[in-house]
Amino acid sequence: MAEHNQSPAAEAQRPAGKRQMAGVATPAAGRPARRAEDAPAARANPVTFIKQVLAELRKVIWPTGRQMLVYTIVVMAFLIFTLALVWGVDTLAGLGVSAVFGS
């Protein structure tokens, strides 16, 4: 510490690069973090999987029939607009190429 000319109190105030309280060590301090591929593979249980899928599906906020109708109309309108835009650009580009190369 003599090389840096800082007091121990000033050194404790420097950020450690982690979101933790100054001077408080995390439980994994000094050990490398375990990666997902290092963890032992758990055996997949199909019944548990189906139960978990159903539990997640119960959490989904499903749209009402009216919302689905509105969403469908918006998507179709955007699709028609995009189709017309691409057709127009393609037609103009084709006319431009025909005018330049005279085919």
C-alpha atoms as a PDB file:
ATOM      1  CA  MET A   1       0.000   0.000   0.000  1.00  0.00           C
ATOM      2  CA  ALA A   2       2.939   2.267   0.476  1.00  0.00           C
ATOM      3  CA  GLU A   3       3.443   2.179  -3.271  1.00  0.00           C
ATOM      4  CA  HIS A   4       0.026   3.720  -3.901  1.00  0.00           C
ATOM      5  CA  ASN A   5       0.178   6.291  -1.099  1.00  0.00           C
ATOM      6  CA  GLN A   6      -3.430   5.616  -0.084  1.00  0.00           C
ATOM      7  CA  SER A   7      -4.795   4.931   3.334  1.00  0.00           C
ATOM      8  CA  PRO A   8      -6.709   1.675   3.983  1.00  0.00           C
ATOM      9  CA  ALA A   9      -9.934   3.694   4.360  1.00  0.00           C
ATOM     10  CA  ALA A  10      -9.486   5.261   0.915  1.00  0.00           C
ATOM     11  CA  GLU A  11      -8.773   1.861  -0.611  1.00  0.00           C
ATOM     12  CA  ALA A  12     -11.992   0.411   0.823  1.00  0.00           C
ATOM     13  CA  GLN A  13     -13.978   3.152  -0.923  1.00  0.00           C
ATOM     14  CA  ARG A  14     -12.794   2.188  -4.407  1.00  0.00           C
ATOM     15  CA  PRO A  15     -15.374   0.265  -6.433  1.00  0.00           C
ATOM     16  CA  ALA A  16     -14.645  -3.430  -6.736  1.00  0.00           C
ATOM     17  CA  GLY A  17     -16.513  -3.829 -10.023  1.00  0.00           C
ATOM     18  CA  LYS A  18     -19.317  -5.723  -8.316  1.00  0.00           C
ATOM     19  CA  ARG A  19     -22.506  -4.499  -6.753  1.00  0.00           C
ATOM     20  CA  GLN A  20     -21.727  -5.193  -3.153  1.00  0.00           C
ATOM     21  CA  MET A  21     -21.164  -3.272   0.026  1.00  0.00           C
ATOM     22  CA  ALA A  22     -17.603  -2.066   0.479  1.00  0.00           C
ATOM     23  CA  GLY A  23     -15.512  -4.518   2.457  1.00  0.00           C
ATOM     24  CA  VAL A  24     -18.142  -7.281   2.468  1.00  0.00           C
ATOM     25  CA  ALA A  25     -17.016 -10.440   0.745  1.00  0.00           C
ATOM     26  CA  THR A  26     -19.461 -12.463  -1.280  1.00  0.00           C
ATOM     27  CA  PRO A  27     -19.774 -16.195  -0.525  1.00  0.00           C
ATOM     28  CA  ALA A  28     -18.049 -17.046  -3.813  1.00  0.00           C
ATOM     29  CA  ALA A  29     -15.060 -14.789  -3.145  1.00  0.00           C
ATOM     30  CA  GLY A  30     -11.862 -16.520  -4.167  1.00  0.00           C
ATOM     31  CA  ARG A  31     -13.655 -19.265  -6.116  1.00  0.00           C
ATOM     32  CA  PRO A  32     -14.339 -19.245  -9.848  1.00  0.00           C
ATOM     33  CA  ALA A  33     -18.016 -18.985 -10.777  1.00  0.00           C
ATOM     34  CA  ARG A  34     -19.705 -22.198 -11.880  1.00  0.00           C
ATOM     35  CA  ARG A  35     -20.922 -22.168 -15.420  1.00  0.00           C
ATOM     36  CA  ALA A  36     -24.144 -23.830 -16.517  1.00  0.00           C
ATOM     37  CA  GLU A  37     -22.275 -26.448 -18.556  1.00  0.00           C
ATOM     38  CA  ASP A  38     -20.220 -27.411 -15.456  1.00  0.00           C
ATOM     39  CA  ALA A  39     -23.362 -28.200 -13.443  1.00  0.00           C
ATOM     40  CA  PRO A  40     -24.432 -31.833 -13.316  1.00  0.00           C
ATOM     41  CA  ALA A  41     -27.194 -32.544 -15.808  1.00  0.00           C
ATOM     42  CA  ALA A  42     -30.535 -33.169 -14.125  1.00  0.00           C
ATOM     43  CA  ARG A  43     -32.559 -35.986 -15.548  1.00  0.00           C
ATOM     44  CA  ALA A  44     -35.623 -34.661 -17.342  1.00  0.00           C
ATOM     45  CA  ASN A  45     -38.906 -35.944 -15.985  1.00  0.00           C
ATOM     46  CA  PRO A  46     -41.666 -35.663 -18.626  1.00  0.00           C
ATOM     47  CA  VAL A  47     -44.467 -35.453 -16.046  1.00  0.00           C
ATOM     48  CA  THR A  48     -42.736 -32.627 -14.181  1.00  0.00           C
ATOM     49  CA  PHE A  49     -42.063 -30.882 -17.471  1.00  0.00           C
ATOM     50  CA  ILE A  50     -45.744 -31.012 -18.495  1.00  0.00           C
ATOM     51  CA  LYS A  51     -46.801 -29.720 -15.064  1.00  0.00           C
ATOM     52  CA  GLN A  52     -44.358 -26.820 -15.340  1.00  0.00           C
ATOM     53  CA  VAL A  53     -45.552 -25.997 -18.862  1.00  0.00           C
ATOM     54  CA  LEU A  54     -49.177 -25.941 -17.717  1.00  0.00           C
ATOM     55  CA  ALA A  55     -48.260 -23.763 -14.728  1.00  0.00           C
ATOM     56  CA  GLU A  56     -46.552 -21.273 -17.043  1.00  0.00           C
ATOM     57  CA  LEU A  57     -49.505 -21.278 -19.448  1.00  0.00           C
ATOM     58  CA  ARG A  58     -51.817 -20.348 -16.561  1.00  0.00           C
ATOM     59  CA  LYS A  59     -49.702 -17.219 -16.024  1.00  0.00           C
ATOM     60  CA  VAL A  60     -50.186 -16.046 -19.622  1.00  0.00           C
ATOM     61  CA  ILE A  61     -52.557 -13.131 -20.109  1.00  0.00           C
ATOM     62  CA  TRP A  62     -54.522 -14.262 -23.141  1.00  0.00           C
ATOM     63  CA  PRO A  63     -56.064 -11.608 -25.425  1.00  0.00           C
ATOM     64  CA  THR A  64     -59.818 -11.333 -25.655  1.00  0.00           C
ATOM     65  CA  GLY A  65     -61.672 -12.048 -28.888  1.00  0.00           C
ATOM     66  CA  ARG A  66     -62.042  -8.317 -29.584  1.00  0.00           C
ATOM     67  CA  GLN A  67     -58.317  -7.725 -29.023  1.00  0.00           C
ATOM     68  CA  MET A  68     -57.485 -10.579 -31.409  1.00  0.00           C
ATOM     69  CA  LEU A  69     -59.759  -9.054 -34.057  1.00  0.00           C
ATOM     70  CA  VAL A  70     -58.088  -5.643 -33.680  1.00  0.00           C
ATOM     71  CA  TYR A  71     -54.583  -7.163 -33.737  1.00  0.00           C
ATOM     72  CA  THR A  72     -55.452  -9.189 -36.852  1.00  0.00           C
ATOM     73  CA  ILE A  73     -56.778  -6.108 -38.665  1.00  0.00           C
ATOM     74  CA  VAL A  74     -53.670  -4.097 -37.759  1.00  0.00           C
ATOM     75  CA  VAL A  75     -51.352  -6.862 -38.988  1.00  0.00           C
ATOM     76  CA  MET A  76     -53.288  -7.260 -42.245  1.00  0.00           C
ATOM     77  CA  ALA A  77     -53.281  -3.492 -42.872  1.00  0.00           C
ATOM     78  CA  PHE A  78     -49.516  -3.347 -42.271  1.00  0.00           C
ATOM     79  CA  LEU A  79     -49.047  -6.335 -44.564  1.00  0.00           C
ATOM     80  CA  ILE A  80     -51.030  -4.660 -47.369  1.00  0.00           C
ATOM     81  CA  PHE A  81     -49.087  -1.410 -46.897  1.00  0.00           C
ATOM     82  CA  THR A  82     -45.737  -3.227 -46.998  1.00  0.00           C
ATOM     83  CA  LEU A  83     -46.814  -5.243 -50.031  1.00  0.00           C
ATOM     84  CA  ALA A  84     -47.802  -2.056 -51.898  1.00  0.00           C
ATOM     85  CA  LEU A  85     -44.545  -0.341 -50.925  1.00  0.00           C
ATOM     86  CA  VAL A  86     -42.365  -3.219 -52.130  1.00  0.00           C
ATOM     87  CA  TRP A  87     -44.424  -3.576 -55.340  1.00  0.00           C
ATOM     88  CA  GLY A  88     -44.078   0.159 -56.034  1.00  0.00           C
ATOM     89  CA  VAL A  89     -40.320   0.223 -55.457  1.00  0.00           C
ATOM     90  CA  ASP A  90     -39.876  -2.895 -57.595  1.00  0.00           C
ATOM     91  CA  THR A  91     -41.957  -1.427 -60.414  1.00  0.00           C
ATOM     92  CA  LEU A  92     -40.074   1.883 -60.344  1.00  0.00           C
ATOM     93  CA  ALA A  93     -36.732   0.096 -60.255  1.00  0.00           C
ATOM     94  CA  GLY A  94     -37.788  -2.079 -63.190  1.00  0.00           C
ATOM     95  CA  LEU A  95     -38.848   0.971 -65.201  1.00  0.00           C
ATOM     96  CA  GLY A  96     -35.565   2.683 -64.352  1.00  0.00           C
ATOM     97  CA  VAL A  97     -33.498  -0.297 -65.454  1.00  0.00           C
ATOM     98  CA  SER A  98     -35.553  -0.576 -68.669  1.00  0.00           C
ATOM     99  CA  ALA A  99     -34.993   3.120 -69.382  1.00  0.00           C
ATOM    100  CA  VAL A 100     -31.241   2.904 -68.781  1.00  0.00           C
ATOM    101  CA  PHE A 101     -30.569  -0.322 -70.656  1.00  0.00           C
ATOM    102  CA  GLY A 102     -33.369   0.089 -73.232  1.00  0.00           C
ATOM    103  CA  SER A 103     -34.683  -3.434 -73.203  1.00  0.00           C
END
